[in-house]
N, C-alpha and C. Protein backbone atom coordinates (compact mmCIF):
# COMPACT_ATOMS: atom_id res chain seq x y z
N MET A 1 19.72 -1.20 -36.35
CA MET A 1 19.23 -1.90 -35.18
C MET A 1 20.02 -1.44 -33.96
N THR A 2 19.34 -1.16 -32.87
CA THR A 2 19.99 -0.71 -31.65
C THR A 2 20.45 -1.92 -30.85
N GLN A 3 21.66 -1.83 -30.36
CA GLN A 3 22.19 -2.92 -29.57
C GLN A 3 21.88 -2.64 -28.10
N VAL A 4 21.35 -3.63 -27.41
CA VAL A 4 21.05 -3.50 -26.00
C VAL A 4 22.27 -3.92 -25.20
N ARG A 5 22.72 -3.00 -24.37
CA ARG A 5 23.87 -3.31 -23.52
C ARG A 5 23.42 -4.14 -22.34
N PRO A 6 24.23 -5.11 -21.94
CA PRO A 6 23.87 -5.89 -20.76
C PRO A 6 23.92 -5.00 -19.50
N MET A 7 23.09 -5.35 -18.54
CA MET A 7 23.03 -4.59 -17.30
C MET A 7 24.31 -4.81 -16.49
N ARG A 8 24.83 -3.76 -15.92
CA ARG A 8 25.98 -3.88 -15.03
C ARG A 8 25.59 -4.73 -13.82
N ALA A 9 26.59 -5.30 -13.16
CA ALA A 9 26.34 -6.17 -12.02
C ALA A 9 25.59 -5.44 -10.90
N ASP A 10 25.98 -4.19 -10.61
CA ASP A 10 25.30 -3.45 -9.55
C ASP A 10 23.86 -3.11 -9.94
N ALA A 11 23.63 -2.84 -11.21
CA ALA A 11 22.28 -2.54 -11.68
C ALA A 11 21.40 -3.79 -11.58
N ARG A 12 21.98 -4.96 -11.91
CA ARG A 12 21.23 -6.23 -11.77
C ARG A 12 20.87 -6.49 -10.32
N ARG A 13 21.82 -6.24 -9.42
CA ARG A 13 21.55 -6.43 -7.99
C ARG A 13 20.44 -5.49 -7.53
N ASN A 14 20.52 -4.23 -7.93
CA ASN A 14 19.48 -3.26 -7.56
C ASN A 14 18.11 -3.69 -8.09
N TYR A 15 18.09 -4.14 -9.33
CA TYR A 15 16.85 -4.59 -9.96
C TYR A 15 16.23 -5.75 -9.17
N GLN A 16 17.05 -6.74 -8.86
CA GLN A 16 16.57 -7.90 -8.11
C GLN A 16 16.11 -7.51 -6.71
N ARG A 17 16.87 -6.65 -6.07
CA ARG A 17 16.51 -6.20 -4.71
C ARG A 17 15.19 -5.43 -4.75
N LEU A 18 15.01 -4.59 -5.75
CA LEU A 18 13.76 -3.85 -5.89
C LEU A 18 12.58 -4.82 -6.06
N LEU A 19 12.76 -5.86 -6.87
CA LEU A 19 11.68 -6.84 -7.07
C LEU A 19 11.33 -7.56 -5.76
N GLU A 20 12.35 -7.96 -5.02
CA GLU A 20 12.12 -8.67 -3.75
C GLU A 20 11.37 -7.77 -2.76
N VAL A 21 11.85 -6.56 -2.59
CA VAL A 21 11.23 -5.63 -1.64
C VAL A 21 9.83 -5.25 -2.10
N ALA A 22 9.65 -5.05 -3.41
CA ALA A 22 8.34 -4.68 -3.94
C ALA A 22 7.33 -5.79 -3.69
N ALA A 23 7.71 -7.03 -3.93
CA ALA A 23 6.79 -8.15 -3.69
C ALA A 23 6.36 -8.19 -2.22
N GLU A 24 7.30 -7.96 -1.32
CA GLU A 24 6.97 -7.93 0.11
C GLU A 24 6.04 -6.76 0.42
N ALA A 25 6.36 -5.59 -0.10
CA ALA A 25 5.55 -4.40 0.18
C ALA A 25 4.15 -4.51 -0.40
N PHE A 26 4.04 -5.00 -1.64
CA PHE A 26 2.71 -5.16 -2.24
C PHE A 26 1.90 -6.20 -1.49
N ALA A 27 2.56 -7.27 -1.01
CA ALA A 27 1.85 -8.30 -0.24
C ALA A 27 1.34 -7.72 1.08
N GLU A 28 2.14 -6.86 1.71
CA GLU A 28 1.76 -6.25 2.98
C GLU A 28 0.70 -5.16 2.83
N HIS A 29 0.90 -4.28 1.84
CA HIS A 29 0.10 -3.06 1.75
C HIS A 29 -0.78 -2.97 0.51
N GLY A 30 -0.74 -3.98 -0.35
CA GLY A 30 -1.53 -3.93 -1.57
C GLY A 30 -0.84 -3.12 -2.65
N GLU A 31 -1.54 -2.94 -3.74
CA GLU A 31 -0.95 -2.30 -4.92
C GLU A 31 -0.54 -0.85 -4.69
N ASN A 32 -1.06 -0.22 -3.64
CA ASN A 32 -0.74 1.19 -3.39
C ASN A 32 0.40 1.38 -2.40
N ALA A 33 1.21 0.35 -2.21
CA ALA A 33 2.37 0.48 -1.33
C ALA A 33 3.23 1.65 -1.82
N SER A 34 3.84 2.33 -0.90
CA SER A 34 4.66 3.50 -1.23
C SER A 34 5.89 3.10 -2.05
N LEU A 35 6.01 3.69 -3.23
CA LEU A 35 7.17 3.41 -4.07
C LEU A 35 8.45 3.99 -3.46
N ASP A 36 8.33 5.14 -2.83
CA ASP A 36 9.49 5.72 -2.15
C ASP A 36 9.97 4.80 -1.03
N ASP A 37 9.03 4.21 -0.29
CA ASP A 37 9.39 3.28 0.77
C ASP A 37 10.05 2.03 0.20
N ILE A 38 9.55 1.56 -0.92
CA ILE A 38 10.15 0.39 -1.57
C ILE A 38 11.60 0.70 -1.95
N ALA A 39 11.83 1.85 -2.56
CA ALA A 39 13.19 2.24 -2.94
C ALA A 39 14.08 2.32 -1.71
N LYS A 40 13.58 2.96 -0.66
CA LYS A 40 14.36 3.12 0.57
C LYS A 40 14.70 1.75 1.18
N ARG A 41 13.70 0.86 1.27
CA ARG A 41 13.93 -0.48 1.84
C ARG A 41 14.90 -1.30 0.99
N ALA A 42 14.91 -1.03 -0.32
CA ALA A 42 15.83 -1.75 -1.22
C ALA A 42 17.24 -1.14 -1.18
N GLY A 43 17.37 0.01 -0.52
CA GLY A 43 18.68 0.65 -0.42
C GLY A 43 19.10 1.39 -1.68
N VAL A 44 18.08 1.87 -2.43
CA VAL A 44 18.38 2.64 -3.65
C VAL A 44 17.56 3.93 -3.62
N GLY A 45 17.88 4.83 -4.50
CA GLY A 45 17.12 6.06 -4.61
C GLY A 45 15.89 5.86 -5.49
N SER A 46 14.95 6.80 -5.38
CA SER A 46 13.74 6.74 -6.19
C SER A 46 14.06 6.77 -7.69
N GLY A 47 15.10 7.50 -8.06
CA GLY A 47 15.50 7.58 -9.47
C GLY A 47 15.89 6.20 -10.01
N THR A 48 16.56 5.42 -9.20
CA THR A 48 16.93 4.06 -9.61
C THR A 48 15.69 3.21 -9.82
N LEU A 49 14.74 3.33 -8.90
CA LEU A 49 13.48 2.58 -9.04
C LEU A 49 12.81 2.94 -10.36
N TYR A 50 12.67 4.23 -10.63
CA TYR A 50 11.97 4.67 -11.85
C TYR A 50 12.78 4.41 -13.12
N ARG A 51 14.07 4.30 -13.01
CA ARG A 51 14.88 3.95 -14.18
C ARG A 51 14.56 2.51 -14.61
N HIS A 52 14.36 1.64 -13.63
CA HIS A 52 14.03 0.24 -13.93
C HIS A 52 12.54 0.05 -14.22
N PHE A 53 11.71 0.78 -13.49
CA PHE A 53 10.25 0.60 -13.57
C PHE A 53 9.60 1.97 -13.71
N PRO A 54 9.16 2.34 -14.91
CA PRO A 54 8.67 3.69 -15.15
C PRO A 54 7.40 4.06 -14.39
N ASN A 55 6.66 3.06 -13.91
CA ASN A 55 5.44 3.35 -13.16
C ASN A 55 5.10 2.19 -12.22
N ARG A 56 4.13 2.40 -11.40
CA ARG A 56 3.71 1.42 -10.40
C ARG A 56 3.31 0.10 -11.05
N ARG A 57 2.55 0.19 -12.14
CA ARG A 57 2.07 -1.02 -12.82
C ARG A 57 3.24 -1.87 -13.31
N ALA A 58 4.27 -1.23 -13.84
CA ALA A 58 5.44 -1.97 -14.34
C ALA A 58 6.14 -2.70 -13.20
N LEU A 59 6.25 -2.06 -12.04
CA LEU A 59 6.87 -2.70 -10.88
C LEU A 59 6.00 -3.84 -10.36
N LEU A 60 4.72 -3.61 -10.26
CA LEU A 60 3.79 -4.65 -9.80
C LEU A 60 3.86 -5.86 -10.71
N GLU A 61 3.82 -5.60 -12.00
CA GLU A 61 3.90 -6.68 -13.01
C GLU A 61 5.20 -7.46 -12.86
N ALA A 62 6.32 -6.75 -12.78
CA ALA A 62 7.62 -7.43 -12.69
C ALA A 62 7.74 -8.23 -11.40
N ALA A 63 7.19 -7.71 -10.32
CA ALA A 63 7.28 -8.39 -9.02
C ALA A 63 6.49 -9.70 -9.01
N TYR A 64 5.43 -9.77 -9.81
CA TYR A 64 4.55 -10.95 -9.75
C TYR A 64 4.47 -11.75 -11.04
N THR A 65 5.32 -11.46 -12.01
CA THR A 65 5.28 -12.21 -13.27
C THR A 65 5.42 -13.71 -13.04
N ASP A 66 6.37 -14.11 -12.23
CA ASP A 66 6.59 -15.54 -11.99
C ASP A 66 5.39 -16.17 -11.30
N ARG A 67 4.82 -15.49 -10.34
CA ARG A 67 3.66 -16.03 -9.62
C ARG A 67 2.46 -16.19 -10.56
N MET A 68 2.23 -15.20 -11.41
CA MET A 68 1.11 -15.27 -12.35
C MET A 68 1.35 -16.36 -13.39
N ALA A 69 2.59 -16.51 -13.83
CA ALA A 69 2.92 -17.58 -14.78
C ALA A 69 2.70 -18.95 -14.14
N ALA A 70 3.03 -19.07 -12.86
CA ALA A 70 2.81 -20.34 -12.15
C ALA A 70 1.31 -20.62 -12.03
N LEU A 71 0.51 -19.60 -11.77
CA LEU A 71 -0.94 -19.80 -11.72
C LEU A 71 -1.49 -20.22 -13.09
N ALA A 72 -0.95 -19.64 -14.14
CA ALA A 72 -1.38 -20.01 -15.49
C ALA A 72 -0.97 -21.46 -15.80
N ALA A 73 0.24 -21.83 -15.42
CA ALA A 73 0.70 -23.21 -15.64
C ALA A 73 -0.12 -24.20 -14.83
N ARG A 74 -0.55 -23.76 -13.67
CA ARG A 74 -1.35 -24.63 -12.81
C ARG A 74 -2.66 -25.01 -13.50
N ALA A 75 -3.19 -24.13 -14.33
CA ALA A 75 -4.41 -24.44 -15.08
C ALA A 75 -4.21 -25.68 -15.94
N ASP A 76 -3.08 -25.76 -16.60
CA ASP A 76 -2.80 -26.91 -17.46
C ASP A 76 -2.61 -28.19 -16.64
N GLU A 77 -1.97 -28.07 -15.48
CA GLU A 77 -1.81 -29.24 -14.61
C GLU A 77 -3.17 -29.76 -14.16
N LEU A 78 -4.04 -28.86 -13.74
CA LEU A 78 -5.37 -29.27 -13.29
C LEU A 78 -6.18 -29.85 -14.44
N ALA A 79 -6.03 -29.29 -15.62
CA ALA A 79 -6.75 -29.80 -16.79
C ALA A 79 -6.33 -31.24 -17.10
N ALA A 80 -5.07 -31.58 -16.83
CA ALA A 80 -4.58 -32.93 -17.08
C ALA A 80 -5.05 -33.91 -16.01
N GLU A 81 -5.36 -33.40 -14.82
CA GLU A 81 -5.72 -34.26 -13.68
C GLU A 81 -7.21 -34.44 -13.49
N LEU A 82 -8.01 -33.43 -13.83
CA LEU A 82 -9.43 -33.41 -13.46
C LEU A 82 -10.32 -33.30 -14.69
N ALA A 83 -11.59 -33.60 -14.49
CA ALA A 83 -12.58 -33.36 -15.53
C ALA A 83 -12.63 -31.86 -15.81
N PRO A 84 -12.99 -31.44 -17.02
CA PRO A 84 -12.93 -30.02 -17.39
C PRO A 84 -13.65 -29.06 -16.43
N GLY A 85 -14.87 -29.36 -16.04
CA GLY A 85 -15.59 -28.48 -15.12
C GLY A 85 -14.91 -28.41 -13.76
N GLU A 86 -14.43 -29.54 -13.28
CA GLU A 86 -13.73 -29.58 -11.99
C GLU A 86 -12.41 -28.83 -12.06
N ALA A 87 -11.71 -28.96 -13.18
CA ALA A 87 -10.44 -28.26 -13.35
C ALA A 87 -10.65 -26.75 -13.31
N LEU A 88 -11.71 -26.27 -13.95
CA LEU A 88 -12.00 -24.84 -13.94
C LEU A 88 -12.28 -24.35 -12.53
N VAL A 89 -13.10 -25.08 -11.79
CA VAL A 89 -13.43 -24.68 -10.42
C VAL A 89 -12.19 -24.72 -9.53
N ALA A 90 -11.40 -25.77 -9.66
CA ALA A 90 -10.18 -25.88 -8.85
C ALA A 90 -9.22 -24.73 -9.14
N TRP A 91 -9.07 -24.40 -10.43
CA TRP A 91 -8.16 -23.32 -10.80
C TRP A 91 -8.68 -21.97 -10.31
N LEU A 92 -9.97 -21.72 -10.48
CA LEU A 92 -10.53 -20.46 -10.00
C LEU A 92 -10.36 -20.33 -8.49
N THR A 93 -10.49 -21.45 -7.79
CA THR A 93 -10.30 -21.43 -6.33
C THR A 93 -8.86 -21.05 -6.00
N GLU A 94 -7.89 -21.68 -6.67
CA GLU A 94 -6.48 -21.36 -6.42
C GLU A 94 -6.17 -19.91 -6.80
N LEU A 95 -6.73 -19.46 -7.91
CA LEU A 95 -6.53 -18.07 -8.34
C LEU A 95 -7.09 -17.10 -7.30
N ALA A 96 -8.30 -17.37 -6.84
CA ALA A 96 -8.93 -16.47 -5.86
C ALA A 96 -8.20 -16.49 -4.52
N VAL A 97 -7.85 -17.66 -4.04
CA VAL A 97 -7.12 -17.76 -2.77
C VAL A 97 -5.78 -17.03 -2.88
N GLY A 98 -5.06 -17.26 -3.96
CA GLY A 98 -3.77 -16.57 -4.16
C GLY A 98 -3.94 -15.07 -4.23
N THR A 99 -5.02 -14.63 -4.84
CA THR A 99 -5.27 -13.19 -4.98
C THR A 99 -5.57 -12.55 -3.63
N VAL A 100 -6.27 -13.27 -2.77
CA VAL A 100 -6.56 -12.73 -1.44
C VAL A 100 -5.30 -12.75 -0.58
N GLN A 101 -4.54 -13.82 -0.67
CA GLN A 101 -3.34 -13.96 0.17
C GLN A 101 -2.24 -12.96 -0.20
N VAL A 102 -2.10 -12.67 -1.47
CA VAL A 102 -1.06 -11.75 -1.94
C VAL A 102 -1.78 -10.54 -2.53
N ARG A 103 -1.91 -9.52 -1.72
CA ARG A 103 -2.81 -8.41 -2.02
C ARG A 103 -2.55 -7.72 -3.36
N GLY A 104 -1.34 -7.63 -3.80
CA GLY A 104 -1.04 -6.96 -5.06
C GLY A 104 -1.55 -7.70 -6.29
N LEU A 105 -1.82 -9.00 -6.14
CA LEU A 105 -2.30 -9.77 -7.29
C LEU A 105 -3.68 -9.35 -7.76
N LYS A 106 -4.48 -8.79 -6.87
CA LYS A 106 -5.83 -8.39 -7.26
C LYS A 106 -5.79 -7.34 -8.37
N ALA A 107 -4.86 -6.43 -8.29
CA ALA A 107 -4.73 -5.41 -9.33
C ALA A 107 -4.35 -6.04 -10.66
N LEU A 108 -3.49 -7.06 -10.62
CA LEU A 108 -3.10 -7.73 -11.86
C LEU A 108 -4.25 -8.54 -12.43
N LEU A 109 -5.03 -9.18 -11.57
CA LEU A 109 -6.22 -9.90 -12.06
C LEU A 109 -7.18 -8.90 -12.67
N GLY A 110 -7.33 -7.75 -12.04
CA GLY A 110 -8.19 -6.70 -12.60
C GLY A 110 -7.70 -6.25 -13.96
N SER A 111 -6.38 -6.11 -14.13
CA SER A 111 -5.87 -5.68 -15.43
C SER A 111 -6.08 -6.73 -16.50
N ALA A 112 -6.20 -7.97 -16.09
CA ALA A 112 -6.41 -9.05 -17.06
C ALA A 112 -7.81 -9.00 -17.66
N VAL A 113 -8.71 -8.31 -17.01
CA VAL A 113 -10.10 -8.31 -17.47
C VAL A 113 -10.62 -6.93 -17.84
N THR A 114 -9.70 -5.98 -17.99
CA THR A 114 -10.07 -4.62 -18.36
C THR A 114 -10.21 -4.53 -19.86
N ASP A 115 -11.28 -3.90 -20.31
CA ASP A 115 -11.52 -3.72 -21.74
C ASP A 115 -10.85 -2.47 -22.27
N GLY A 116 -10.38 -2.54 -23.50
CA GLY A 116 -10.00 -1.37 -24.26
C GLY A 116 -8.71 -0.68 -23.87
N ASP A 117 -8.00 -1.14 -22.87
CA ASP A 117 -6.77 -0.48 -22.45
C ASP A 117 -5.59 -1.34 -22.86
N SER A 118 -4.89 -0.92 -23.88
CA SER A 118 -3.78 -1.74 -24.38
C SER A 118 -2.70 -1.90 -23.32
N ALA A 119 -2.59 -0.94 -22.40
CA ALA A 119 -1.59 -1.06 -21.33
C ALA A 119 -1.92 -2.21 -20.39
N ALA A 120 -3.21 -2.60 -20.36
CA ALA A 120 -3.61 -3.69 -19.48
C ALA A 120 -3.25 -5.06 -20.06
N VAL A 121 -2.89 -5.12 -21.33
CA VAL A 121 -2.53 -6.39 -21.94
C VAL A 121 -1.05 -6.63 -21.66
N THR A 122 -0.79 -7.05 -20.47
CA THR A 122 0.57 -7.28 -20.00
C THR A 122 0.88 -8.76 -20.09
N VAL A 123 2.10 -9.11 -19.78
CA VAL A 123 2.49 -10.51 -19.76
C VAL A 123 1.64 -11.28 -18.76
N CYS A 124 1.45 -10.70 -17.58
CA CYS A 124 0.63 -11.36 -16.57
C CYS A 124 -0.80 -11.54 -17.04
N ALA A 125 -1.37 -10.49 -17.60
CA ALA A 125 -2.75 -10.56 -18.08
C ALA A 125 -2.89 -11.59 -19.18
N ALA A 126 -1.95 -11.60 -20.10
CA ALA A 126 -2.02 -12.55 -21.22
C ALA A 126 -1.94 -13.99 -20.73
N SER A 127 -1.08 -14.28 -19.77
CA SER A 127 -0.96 -15.66 -19.29
C SER A 127 -2.21 -16.11 -18.55
N ILE A 128 -2.79 -15.23 -17.75
CA ILE A 128 -4.02 -15.59 -17.02
C ILE A 128 -5.19 -15.71 -17.98
N LYS A 129 -5.30 -14.80 -18.93
CA LYS A 129 -6.38 -14.89 -19.92
C LYS A 129 -6.27 -16.17 -20.74
N GLY A 130 -5.08 -16.52 -21.13
CA GLY A 130 -4.88 -17.74 -21.91
C GLY A 130 -5.27 -18.98 -21.13
N ALA A 131 -4.86 -19.04 -19.87
CA ALA A 131 -5.21 -20.18 -19.02
C ALA A 131 -6.73 -20.28 -18.85
N ALA A 132 -7.35 -19.15 -18.58
CA ALA A 132 -8.81 -19.15 -18.41
C ALA A 132 -9.50 -19.57 -19.69
N ALA A 133 -9.03 -19.09 -20.82
CA ALA A 133 -9.65 -19.43 -22.11
C ALA A 133 -9.58 -20.94 -22.36
N ARG A 134 -8.44 -21.55 -22.06
CA ARG A 134 -8.31 -23.00 -22.26
C ARG A 134 -9.26 -23.77 -21.36
N LEU A 135 -9.34 -23.38 -20.10
CA LEU A 135 -10.21 -24.10 -19.16
C LEU A 135 -11.68 -23.89 -19.49
N VAL A 136 -12.06 -22.67 -19.84
CA VAL A 136 -13.46 -22.38 -20.19
C VAL A 136 -13.87 -23.17 -21.43
N ALA A 137 -13.02 -23.16 -22.46
CA ALA A 137 -13.34 -23.90 -23.69
C ALA A 137 -13.50 -25.39 -23.40
N ALA A 138 -12.62 -25.95 -22.58
CA ALA A 138 -12.72 -27.37 -22.25
C ALA A 138 -13.99 -27.67 -21.47
N ALA A 139 -14.33 -26.80 -20.51
CA ALA A 139 -15.55 -27.01 -19.72
C ALA A 139 -16.79 -26.89 -20.60
N GLN A 140 -16.77 -25.96 -21.53
CA GLN A 140 -17.90 -25.83 -22.45
C GLN A 140 -17.99 -27.04 -23.37
N GLY A 141 -16.86 -27.51 -23.85
CA GLY A 141 -16.82 -28.70 -24.71
C GLY A 141 -17.34 -29.94 -24.01
N ALA A 142 -17.15 -30.00 -22.70
CA ALA A 142 -17.61 -31.14 -21.92
C ALA A 142 -19.05 -30.97 -21.45
N GLY A 143 -19.65 -29.83 -21.76
CA GLY A 143 -21.02 -29.59 -21.34
C GLY A 143 -21.16 -29.18 -19.88
N ALA A 144 -20.06 -28.75 -19.27
CA ALA A 144 -20.08 -28.37 -17.86
C ALA A 144 -20.26 -26.87 -17.65
N LEU A 145 -20.25 -26.10 -18.74
CA LEU A 145 -20.34 -24.65 -18.63
C LEU A 145 -21.17 -24.13 -19.79
N ARG A 146 -22.01 -23.16 -19.49
CA ARG A 146 -22.85 -22.56 -20.52
C ARG A 146 -22.03 -22.05 -21.68
N GLY A 147 -22.60 -22.12 -22.87
CA GLY A 147 -21.90 -21.69 -24.06
C GLY A 147 -21.85 -20.19 -24.27
N ASP A 148 -22.70 -19.45 -23.56
CA ASP A 148 -22.74 -17.99 -23.75
C ASP A 148 -21.81 -17.24 -22.80
N ILE A 149 -20.92 -17.97 -22.16
CA ILE A 149 -19.96 -17.39 -21.22
C ILE A 149 -18.59 -17.40 -21.90
N ASP A 150 -17.84 -16.32 -21.75
CA ASP A 150 -16.46 -16.38 -22.25
C ASP A 150 -15.49 -16.27 -21.08
N SER A 151 -14.23 -16.48 -21.37
CA SER A 151 -13.23 -16.54 -20.30
C SER A 151 -13.09 -15.21 -19.56
N VAL A 152 -13.26 -14.09 -20.26
CA VAL A 152 -13.18 -12.80 -19.59
C VAL A 152 -14.34 -12.64 -18.61
N ASP A 153 -15.53 -13.11 -18.99
CA ASP A 153 -16.66 -13.10 -18.05
C ASP A 153 -16.30 -13.86 -16.78
N VAL A 154 -15.73 -15.04 -16.95
CA VAL A 154 -15.37 -15.88 -15.80
C VAL A 154 -14.32 -15.18 -14.93
N LEU A 155 -13.32 -14.57 -15.56
CA LEU A 155 -12.28 -13.87 -14.78
C LEU A 155 -12.86 -12.66 -14.05
N ARG A 156 -13.75 -11.93 -14.70
CA ARG A 156 -14.38 -10.79 -14.01
C ARG A 156 -15.20 -11.26 -12.82
N LEU A 157 -15.92 -12.34 -12.99
CA LEU A 157 -16.71 -12.87 -11.88
C LEU A 157 -15.79 -13.37 -10.76
N ALA A 158 -14.66 -13.98 -11.12
CA ALA A 158 -13.70 -14.42 -10.11
C ALA A 158 -13.14 -13.22 -9.34
N HIS A 159 -12.89 -12.12 -10.05
CA HIS A 159 -12.44 -10.89 -9.41
C HIS A 159 -13.50 -10.42 -8.41
N GLY A 160 -14.77 -10.54 -8.79
CA GLY A 160 -15.86 -10.19 -7.88
C GLY A 160 -15.91 -11.10 -6.67
N VAL A 161 -15.64 -12.38 -6.88
CA VAL A 161 -15.60 -13.32 -5.76
C VAL A 161 -14.50 -12.92 -4.77
N VAL A 162 -13.35 -12.52 -5.28
CA VAL A 162 -12.26 -12.07 -4.41
C VAL A 162 -12.70 -10.87 -3.60
N SER A 163 -13.34 -9.90 -4.25
CA SER A 163 -13.81 -8.71 -3.54
C SER A 163 -14.85 -9.07 -2.49
N ALA A 164 -15.78 -9.95 -2.84
CA ALA A 164 -16.82 -10.36 -1.89
C ALA A 164 -16.22 -11.09 -0.70
N SER A 165 -15.24 -11.95 -0.94
CA SER A 165 -14.64 -12.69 0.17
C SER A 165 -13.83 -11.76 1.06
N GLU A 166 -13.21 -10.74 0.49
CA GLU A 166 -12.49 -9.76 1.30
C GLU A 166 -13.46 -9.01 2.21
N LEU A 167 -14.65 -8.71 1.70
CA LEU A 167 -15.64 -8.04 2.53
C LEU A 167 -16.08 -8.91 3.70
N ALA A 168 -16.14 -10.23 3.46
CA ALA A 168 -16.55 -11.15 4.51
C ALA A 168 -15.45 -11.31 5.55
N ASP A 169 -14.26 -11.63 5.16
CA ASP A 169 -13.07 -11.69 6.02
C ASP A 169 -11.90 -12.35 5.30
N GLY A 170 -12.09 -12.65 4.02
CA GLY A 170 -10.99 -13.16 3.21
C GLY A 170 -10.62 -14.61 3.45
N GLN A 171 -11.47 -15.34 4.14
CA GLN A 171 -11.17 -16.74 4.43
C GLN A 171 -11.48 -17.63 3.23
N ASP A 172 -10.72 -18.73 3.12
CA ASP A 172 -10.91 -19.67 2.01
C ASP A 172 -12.34 -20.19 1.95
N ARG A 173 -12.97 -20.39 3.10
CA ARG A 173 -14.34 -20.93 3.09
C ARG A 173 -15.30 -20.01 2.36
N HIS A 174 -15.11 -18.71 2.46
CA HIS A 174 -15.97 -17.77 1.74
C HIS A 174 -15.70 -17.85 0.24
N ILE A 175 -14.45 -17.95 -0.11
CA ILE A 175 -14.11 -18.07 -1.53
C ILE A 175 -14.77 -19.30 -2.11
N ARG A 176 -14.63 -20.43 -1.43
CA ARG A 176 -15.22 -21.68 -1.93
C ARG A 176 -16.74 -21.58 -2.03
N ARG A 177 -17.36 -20.97 -1.05
CA ARG A 177 -18.82 -20.82 -1.07
C ARG A 177 -19.26 -19.93 -2.23
N TYR A 178 -18.61 -18.79 -2.38
CA TYR A 178 -18.99 -17.85 -3.44
C TYR A 178 -18.71 -18.43 -4.83
N LEU A 179 -17.60 -19.15 -4.96
CA LEU A 179 -17.31 -19.78 -6.25
C LEU A 179 -18.33 -20.88 -6.56
N SER A 180 -18.74 -21.59 -5.54
CA SER A 180 -19.76 -22.63 -5.72
C SER A 180 -21.07 -22.01 -6.21
N LEU A 181 -21.46 -20.91 -5.59
CA LEU A 181 -22.68 -20.21 -6.02
C LEU A 181 -22.52 -19.68 -7.44
N LEU A 182 -21.38 -19.13 -7.75
CA LEU A 182 -21.11 -18.62 -9.07
C LEU A 182 -21.19 -19.73 -10.12
N MET A 183 -20.50 -20.81 -9.86
CA MET A 183 -20.46 -21.92 -10.84
C MET A 183 -21.84 -22.55 -11.03
N GLU A 184 -22.63 -22.56 -10.01
CA GLU A 184 -24.00 -23.09 -10.15
C GLU A 184 -24.76 -22.27 -11.19
N GLY A 185 -24.56 -20.99 -11.19
CA GLY A 185 -25.22 -20.12 -12.17
C GLY A 185 -24.64 -20.21 -13.57
N LEU A 186 -23.40 -20.70 -13.68
CA LEU A 186 -22.75 -20.77 -15.00
C LEU A 186 -22.86 -22.15 -15.66
N ARG A 187 -23.39 -23.11 -14.90
CA ARG A 187 -23.53 -24.45 -15.48
C ARG A 187 -24.66 -24.49 -16.49
N VAL A 188 -24.56 -25.45 -17.39
CA VAL A 188 -25.60 -25.65 -18.41
C VAL A 188 -26.89 -26.02 -17.73
């Protein structure tokens, strides 16, 4: 068995600084923010960035793991507070609004609904898929959602709602309108 050495203090600081700067850069410029610029803004070399994060997806995932976990946990909070159909709509609204507000999240939502790519089954994708599956099953059990819909369908459609609202101007009112139209089509 290989023993994992703990990270040195300076390496931990660099790692944390890279995550902070990456989250800011992805929020400002989306998933295609310059990795070299992120390294420079964090005060490290590109080699240090790639030593911690072998590719863009790994950095994006690490920068937003906590945010995606919070969105997944929010599904359970809403499920405890609202009727199943209402909880699903409320969660999809929060997911879509968060995805528009923090531009890098759209790529992670997209990875959560990609078929056949094992690299797309990340911690973020798994938490969002799990949350969606719980809410969809509860809504179906309550008769608020068609039985021929699965959670990946709902997440893909939510991704489409985000794209449509961005085309309009990215305002919450568009998200709410498009989600309302979507849910009308998914009801029993």
